[in-house]
Amino acid sequence: MLTDILYLAIGLALLIGGGDLLVRGAVRIAERLRLSPMLIGLTIVGMGTSAPELVASVQASLAGSPGIALGNIVGSNIANALLILGVAALIAPIAVQTRALWRDGGVGFVTALLLLAAGATVGLSREVGAAFVILMGGYIYYAYRQERVQGSHSAAYDRALAVEGVDPGLIPQDRPEGRLPVALLLLAAGLALIVGGGSLLVSGAVAVAAQLGVSDTIIGLTIVAVGTSFPELVTSAVAAYRKQGDIALGNVLGSNIYNILFIGGLTGLIAPTQVPASIMAFDLWALLIITIVVMLFASTGGRLSRREGLVLVCVYGAYALHTAGIL
């Protein structure tokens, strides 16, 4: 049991560390390709930081553990909306731009509806995966256009800002930094670490579930989901501490969109799978309700207060206890 938990913990650490190296290398390579810093931020920084969750979900699906694959996606979104946003609001009340909130929160709500519809019909098939990836591309294009015309920031843009605010090494530069062989080495090392970490994570999670006598879905919705969401917790907490509440909120909303369209889409394309019945019956509906409640909380008074943040954290605690069969 302790060995399996150790494998799971090491797998998470390798995923997070490998993801950082992967994005660093990719950013440096993109700079040499003369891509604009804004485009690098929206694509490589924003999407690249989801690589650990992506690898975990794909490897779990390939290993025949859809509970971990889909639990990671849905559980991460629930943790983002309740735990991470709640912690950020506890650190500092979050001022909210209502228009941006309903726009990006609305997109997140629709993506959850699409996953629910897919689960009730064909599952996370290659066709659904391809549609999700196309929608992700459309959302990134919209975010890029939004910044070009200097409109209100999109959640995708805020997600990149949040990541870059924690790790200045990921900020794209107009002039290439470092040598190309070093960038390629970072990319390769990061890829190797996240692949190895994903394998350890999945095998450890399956073994822990068997030892505890619970389904792998429960482990995916809780331990794996919270573990892979740890970078989002750090970036949102730092943004809130710096009084950048709009970025903290945008990071959460953006992460939820990326999780379903990007991670869910590529998982469906690479390793099609069914959405577990338990997730269909409760967790996806819970995510839809939570999304609406969070938007209502944030829109009242134009901010998300500390009291509301505490409520969100407590609700997540109740959700985790319910998922584990304790409550």
Protein backbone atom coordinates (compact mmCIF):
# COMPACT_ATOMS: atom_id res chain seq x y z
CA MET A 1 0.00 0.00 0.00
CA LEU A 2 2.73 2.48 0.96
CA THR A 3 4.67 1.57 -2.17
CA ASP A 4 1.64 2.22 -4.35
CA ILE A 5 1.04 5.60 -2.69
CA LEU A 6 4.72 6.42 -3.24
CA TYR A 7 4.41 5.54 -6.93
CA LEU A 8 1.37 7.81 -7.18
CA ALA A 9 3.16 10.69 -5.45
CA ILE A 10 6.32 10.29 -7.54
CA GLY A 11 4.19 10.13 -10.68
CA LEU A 12 2.51 13.43 -9.79
CA ALA A 13 5.87 15.08 -9.06
CA LEU A 14 7.33 13.88 -12.37
CA LEU A 15 4.25 15.07 -14.27
CA ILE A 16 4.43 18.57 -12.80
CA GLY A 17 8.21 18.88 -13.12
CA GLY A 18 8.24 17.40 -16.61
CA GLY A 19 5.43 19.69 -17.71
CA ASP A 20 7.47 22.72 -16.64
CA LEU A 21 10.52 21.57 -18.61
CA LEU A 22 8.37 20.76 -21.64
CA VAL A 23 6.82 24.22 -21.74
CA ARG A 24 10.17 25.95 -21.16
CA GLY A 25 11.72 24.14 -24.11
CA ALA A 26 8.68 24.71 -26.33
CA VAL A 27 8.61 28.45 -25.54
CA ARG A 28 12.28 28.84 -26.44
CA ILE A 29 11.76 26.93 -29.72
CA ALA A 30 8.68 29.01 -30.57
CA GLU A 31 10.70 32.20 -30.02
CA ARG A 32 13.19 31.02 -32.64
CA LEU A 33 10.31 30.40 -35.03
CA ARG A 34 9.45 34.11 -34.60
CA LEU A 35 5.98 33.45 -33.26
CA SER A 36 4.43 36.45 -31.52
CA PRO A 37 4.69 36.46 -27.70
CA MET A 38 0.90 36.71 -27.47
CA LEU A 39 0.40 33.62 -29.64
CA ILE A 40 3.04 31.71 -27.68
CA GLY A 41 1.27 32.62 -24.43
CA LEU A 42 -2.16 31.57 -25.64
CA THR A 43 -1.02 28.27 -27.17
CA ILE A 44 2.25 26.92 -25.80
CA VAL A 45 2.07 28.42 -22.30
CA GLY A 46 -1.68 28.06 -21.88
CA MET A 47 -2.07 24.63 -23.44
CA GLY A 48 1.39 23.29 -22.59
CA THR A 49 0.79 23.67 -18.87
CA SER A 50 -2.09 21.19 -19.29
CA ALA A 51 0.32 18.51 -20.53
CA PRO A 52 0.49 16.66 -17.16
CA GLU A 53 -3.31 16.30 -17.00
CA LEU A 54 -3.38 15.33 -20.68
CA VAL A 55 -0.80 12.57 -20.31
CA ALA A 56 -2.48 11.24 -17.15
CA SER A 57 -5.89 11.04 -18.85
CA VAL A 58 -4.56 9.52 -22.09
CA GLN A 59 -2.46 6.88 -20.30
CA ALA A 60 -5.35 6.01 -17.98
CA SER A 61 -7.67 5.56 -20.95
CA LEU A 62 -5.10 3.42 -22.80
CA ALA A 63 -4.69 1.32 -19.64
CA GLY A 64 -8.43 0.66 -19.53
CA SER A 65 -9.15 2.95 -16.57
CA PRO A 66 -11.77 5.44 -17.83
CA GLY A 67 -12.61 6.31 -14.23
CA ILE A 68 -9.17 7.87 -13.80
CA ALA A 69 -9.16 9.43 -17.28
CA LEU A 70 -12.56 11.14 -16.99
CA GLY A 71 -12.35 11.54 -13.21
CA ASN A 72 -9.18 13.56 -13.71
CA ILE A 73 -10.96 15.92 -16.13
CA VAL A 74 -14.26 16.34 -14.29
CA GLY A 75 -12.70 16.23 -10.82
CA SER A 76 -10.13 18.86 -11.80
CA ASN A 77 -12.88 21.19 -13.00
CA ILE A 78 -14.81 20.77 -9.75
CA ALA A 79 -11.63 21.34 -7.71
CA ASN A 80 -10.87 24.45 -9.80
CA ALA A 81 -14.31 25.97 -9.30
CA LEU A 82 -14.64 25.19 -5.58
CA LEU A 83 -11.29 24.56 -3.91
CA ILE A 84 -8.89 26.69 -5.97
CA LEU A 85 -11.21 29.64 -6.54
CA GLY A 86 -12.31 29.46 -2.92
CA VAL A 87 -8.73 29.54 -1.64
CA ALA A 88 -7.94 32.49 -3.95
CA ALA A 89 -10.96 34.42 -2.60
CA LEU A 90 -9.91 33.66 0.98
CA ILE A 91 -6.50 35.19 0.25
CA ALA A 92 -8.06 38.33 -1.25
CA PRO A 93 -11.61 39.14 -2.44
CA ILE A 94 -11.79 38.84 -6.23
CA ALA A 95 -13.12 41.78 -8.22
CA VAL A 96 -15.13 40.55 -11.19
CA GLN A 97 -15.85 41.91 -14.65
CA THR A 98 -19.39 40.61 -15.08
CA ARG A 99 -19.30 40.51 -18.88
CA ALA A 100 -16.10 38.46 -18.99
CA LEU A 101 -17.37 36.22 -16.19
CA TRP A 102 -20.57 35.23 -17.98
CA ARG A 103 -18.81 34.94 -21.33
CA ASP A 104 -16.01 32.59 -20.23
CA GLY A 105 -18.04 30.93 -17.49
CA GLY A 106 -20.75 30.37 -20.09
CA VAL A 107 -18.25 28.70 -22.42
CA GLY A 108 -17.19 26.43 -19.55
CA PHE A 109 -20.82 25.56 -18.83
CA VAL A 110 -21.46 24.71 -22.49
CA THR A 111 -18.35 22.51 -22.68
CA ALA A 112 -19.55 20.56 -19.63
CA LEU A 113 -22.95 20.16 -21.31
CA LEU A 114 -21.22 18.86 -24.45
CA LEU A 115 -19.27 16.27 -22.40
CA LEU A 116 -22.52 15.23 -20.70
CA ALA A 117 -24.23 14.87 -24.09
CA ALA A 118 -21.32 12.85 -25.46
CA GLY A 119 -21.35 10.55 -22.44
CA ALA A 120 -25.07 9.94 -22.85
CA THR A 121 -24.70 8.99 -26.52
CA VAL A 122 -21.47 7.83 -28.15
CA GLY A 123 -19.01 8.35 -25.31
CA LEU A 124 -15.67 10.12 -25.71
CA SER A 125 -15.21 8.80 -29.24
CA ARG A 126 -12.70 9.92 -31.87
CA GLU A 127 -15.42 11.96 -33.58
CA VAL A 128 -16.27 13.73 -30.32
CA GLY A 129 -12.58 14.19 -29.58
CA ALA A 130 -12.00 15.76 -32.98
CA ALA A 131 -14.97 18.10 -32.48
CA PHE A 132 -13.64 19.15 -29.06
CA VAL A 133 -10.17 19.87 -30.48
CA ILE A 134 -11.70 21.97 -33.29
CA LEU A 135 -13.73 23.91 -30.73
CA MET A 136 -10.56 24.43 -28.68
CA GLY A 137 -8.84 25.85 -31.75
CA GLY A 138 -11.82 28.14 -32.33
CA TYR A 139 -11.68 29.37 -28.74
CA ILE A 140 -7.95 30.12 -28.96
CA TYR A 141 -8.53 31.98 -32.23
CA TYR A 142 -11.28 34.01 -30.56
CA ALA A 143 -8.98 34.79 -27.61
CA TYR A 144 -6.21 35.87 -30.01
CA ARG A 145 -8.59 38.14 -31.93
CA GLN A 146 -9.92 39.56 -28.65
CA GLU A 147 -6.44 40.65 -27.61
CA ARG A 148 -5.57 42.02 -31.05
CA VAL A 149 -8.53 44.40 -30.98
CA GLN A 150 -7.78 45.25 -27.32
CA GLY A 151 -11.09 44.03 -26.00
CA SER A 152 -11.62 42.62 -22.52
CA HIS A 153 -9.16 39.86 -21.65
CA SER A 154 -10.26 36.29 -22.27
CA ALA A 155 -9.85 33.46 -19.77
CA ALA A 156 -7.22 31.94 -22.06
CA TYR A 157 -5.16 35.12 -21.85
CA ASP A 158 -5.56 35.31 -18.06
CA ARG A 159 -4.46 31.67 -17.78
CA ALA A 160 -1.22 32.45 -19.60
CA LEU A 161 -0.67 35.57 -17.46
CA ALA A 162 -1.21 33.58 -14.26
CA VAL A 163 1.36 30.97 -15.26
CA GLU A 164 3.89 33.57 -16.38
CA GLY A 165 3.34 35.51 -13.14
CA VAL A 166 4.54 32.53 -11.12
CA ASP A 167 7.35 31.49 -13.47
CA PRO A 168 8.97 34.44 -15.34
CA GLY A 169 11.06 31.90 -17.28
CA LEU A 170 7.93 31.08 -19.29
CA ILE A 171 7.37 34.67 -20.46
CA PRO A 172 7.90 34.73 -24.25
CA GLN A 173 10.50 37.20 -25.50
CA ASP A 174 10.58 39.12 -28.78
CA ARG A 175 14.20 37.99 -29.20
CA PRO A 176 15.15 34.32 -28.79
CA GLU A 177 16.90 33.43 -25.54
CA GLY A 178 19.33 30.56 -25.03
CA ARG A 179 20.66 28.01 -27.48
CA LEU A 180 18.47 25.77 -29.64
CA PRO A 181 20.11 22.47 -28.53
CA VAL A 182 19.34 23.36 -24.90
CA ALA A 183 15.71 24.10 -25.77
CA LEU A 184 15.41 20.78 -27.61
CA LEU A 185 16.96 18.97 -24.64
CA LEU A 186 14.50 20.60 -22.22
CA LEU A 187 11.62 19.60 -24.49
CA ALA A 188 12.80 15.99 -24.73
CA ALA A 189 13.51 15.72 -21.00
CA GLY A 190 10.11 17.19 -20.14
CA LEU A 191 8.35 14.78 -22.48
CA ALA A 192 10.20 11.80 -21.01
CA LEU A 193 9.37 12.86 -17.45
CA ILE A 194 5.66 13.37 -18.04
CA VAL A 195 5.33 10.06 -19.92
CA GLY A 196 7.14 8.21 -17.14
CA GLY A 197 5.28 10.15 -14.46
CA GLY A 198 1.93 9.43 -16.10
CA SER A 199 2.67 5.71 -16.16
CA LEU A 200 3.60 5.71 -12.45
CA LEU A 201 0.58 7.81 -11.58
CA VAL A 202 -1.91 5.56 -13.34
CA SER A 203 -0.43 2.30 -12.05
CA GLY A 204 -0.20 3.72 -8.52
CA ALA A 205 -3.78 5.07 -8.64
CA VAL A 206 -5.19 1.74 -9.87
CA ALA A 207 -3.29 -0.16 -7.17
CA VAL A 208 -4.39 2.23 -4.40
CA ALA A 209 -8.01 1.91 -5.53
CA ALA A 210 -7.75 -1.88 -5.42
CA GLN A 211 -6.13 -1.80 -1.96
CA LEU A 212 -8.85 0.49 -0.60
CA GLY A 213 -11.59 -1.52 -2.26
CA VAL A 214 -12.97 1.49 -4.16
CA SER A 215 -13.42 2.21 -7.85
CA ASP A 216 -10.64 3.94 -9.76
CA THR A 217 -13.24 6.64 -10.55
CA ILE A 218 -13.13 7.78 -6.91
CA ILE A 219 -9.34 8.03 -7.00
CA GLY A 220 -9.51 9.91 -10.31
CA LEU A 221 -12.08 12.40 -9.05
CA THR A 222 -10.18 13.16 -5.84
CA ILE A 223 -6.47 12.34 -5.46
CA VAL A 224 -5.50 12.45 -9.15
CA ALA A 225 -7.71 15.47 -9.93
CA VAL A 226 -6.42 17.56 -7.02
CA GLY A 227 -2.82 16.48 -7.63
CA THR A 228 -2.81 17.44 -11.30
CA SER A 229 -4.62 20.71 -10.43
CA PHE A 230 -1.90 21.74 -7.99
CA PRO A 231 -0.22 24.13 -10.49
CA GLU A 232 -3.56 25.93 -10.96
CA LEU A 233 -3.85 26.26 -7.17
CA VAL A 234 -0.40 27.87 -6.99
CA THR A 235 -0.94 30.25 -9.92
CA SER A 236 -4.39 31.39 -8.73
CA ALA A 237 -3.20 31.82 -5.14
CA VAL A 238 -0.22 33.92 -6.25
CA ALA A 239 -2.45 36.06 -8.49
CA ALA A 240 -4.88 36.63 -5.60
CA TYR A 241 -2.00 37.52 -3.24
CA ARG A 242 -0.84 40.12 -5.77
CA LYS A 243 -4.38 41.57 -5.88
CA GLN A 244 -4.86 40.29 -9.44
CA GLY A 245 -8.21 38.70 -8.75
CA ASP A 246 -9.38 38.94 -12.36
CA ILE A 247 -6.38 36.85 -13.43
CA ALA A 248 -7.03 34.29 -10.67
CA LEU A 249 -10.64 33.94 -11.84
CA GLY A 250 -9.67 33.84 -15.51
CA ASN A 251 -7.09 31.15 -14.76
CA VAL A 252 -9.79 28.92 -13.23
CA LEU A 253 -12.33 29.55 -15.99
CA GLY A 254 -9.69 29.01 -18.66
CA SER A 255 -8.43 25.81 -17.05
CA ASN A 256 -11.94 24.36 -17.03
CA ILE A 257 -12.38 25.08 -20.74
CA TYR A 258 -8.96 23.59 -21.56
CA ASN A 259 -9.63 20.48 -19.47
CA ILE A 260 -12.72 19.45 -21.41
CA LEU A 261 -11.95 20.67 -24.92
CA PHE A 262 -8.17 20.16 -25.04
CA ILE A 263 -7.54 17.25 -22.66
CA GLY A 264 -10.89 15.57 -23.28
CA GLY A 265 -10.58 16.13 -27.02
CA LEU A 266 -7.09 14.66 -27.38
CA THR A 267 -7.96 11.80 -25.02
CA GLY A 268 -10.91 10.92 -27.28
CA LEU A 269 -8.74 11.13 -30.39
CA ILE A 270 -5.89 9.01 -29.01
CA ALA A 271 -7.71 6.61 -26.68
CA PRO A 272 -11.52 6.68 -27.11
CA THR A 273 -13.41 5.66 -23.99
CA GLN A 274 -16.83 5.69 -22.36
CA VAL A 275 -17.77 8.16 -19.64
CA PRO A 276 -18.25 6.10 -16.44
CA ALA A 277 -21.88 5.76 -15.33
CA SER A 278 -21.18 7.21 -11.87
CA ILE A 279 -19.69 10.38 -13.38
CA MET A 280 -22.67 10.66 -15.73
CA ALA A 281 -25.15 10.17 -12.89
CA PHE A 282 -23.68 12.66 -10.40
CA ASP A 283 -20.37 14.41 -11.02
CA LEU A 284 -21.09 16.02 -14.39
CA TRP A 285 -24.43 17.30 -13.11
CA ALA A 286 -22.66 18.57 -10.00
CA LEU A 287 -20.15 20.39 -12.22
CA LEU A 288 -22.96 22.12 -14.13
CA ILE A 289 -24.65 23.26 -10.91
CA ILE A 290 -21.35 24.36 -9.36
CA THR A 291 -20.50 26.40 -12.47
CA ILE A 292 -23.80 28.30 -12.24
CA VAL A 293 -23.46 28.85 -8.47
CA VAL A 294 -19.90 30.19 -8.82
CA MET A 295 -20.98 32.63 -11.54
CA LEU A 296 -23.89 33.80 -9.40
CA PHE A 297 -21.60 34.24 -6.37
CA ALA A 298 -19.05 36.18 -8.41
CA SER A 299 -21.61 38.40 -10.14
CA THR A 300 -23.33 39.57 -6.93
CA GLY A 301 -21.72 42.78 -5.77
CA GLY A 302 -19.15 42.60 -8.57
CA ARG A 303 -16.79 40.43 -6.56
CA LEU A 304 -16.21 37.05 -4.92
CA SER A 305 -15.90 37.75 -1.19
CA ARG A 306 -13.94 35.88 1.47
CA ARG A 307 -17.19 34.58 2.94
CA GLU A 308 -18.21 33.18 -0.44
CA GLY A 309 -14.71 31.72 -0.86
CA LEU A 310 -15.09 29.91 2.47
CA VAL A 311 -18.44 28.53 1.34
CA LEU A 312 -16.83 27.21 -1.87
CA VAL A 313 -14.02 25.49 0.06
CA CYS A 314 -16.49 23.91 2.49
CA VAL A 315 -18.66 22.69 -0.38
CA TYR A 316 -15.60 21.09 -1.96
CA GLY A 317 -14.84 19.35 1.33
CA ALA A 318 -18.40 17.99 1.40
CA TYR A 319 -18.09 16.89 -2.25
CA ALA A 320 -14.80 15.08 -1.57
CA LEU A 321 -16.28 13.31 1.48
CA HIS A 322 -19.36 12.31 -0.55
CA THR A 323 -17.21 11.00 -3.39
CA ALA A 324 -15.15 8.95 -0.96
CA GLY A 325 -18.36 7.48 0.49
CA ILE A 326 -17.87 9.10 3.89
CA LEU A 327 -20.72 11.61 3.67
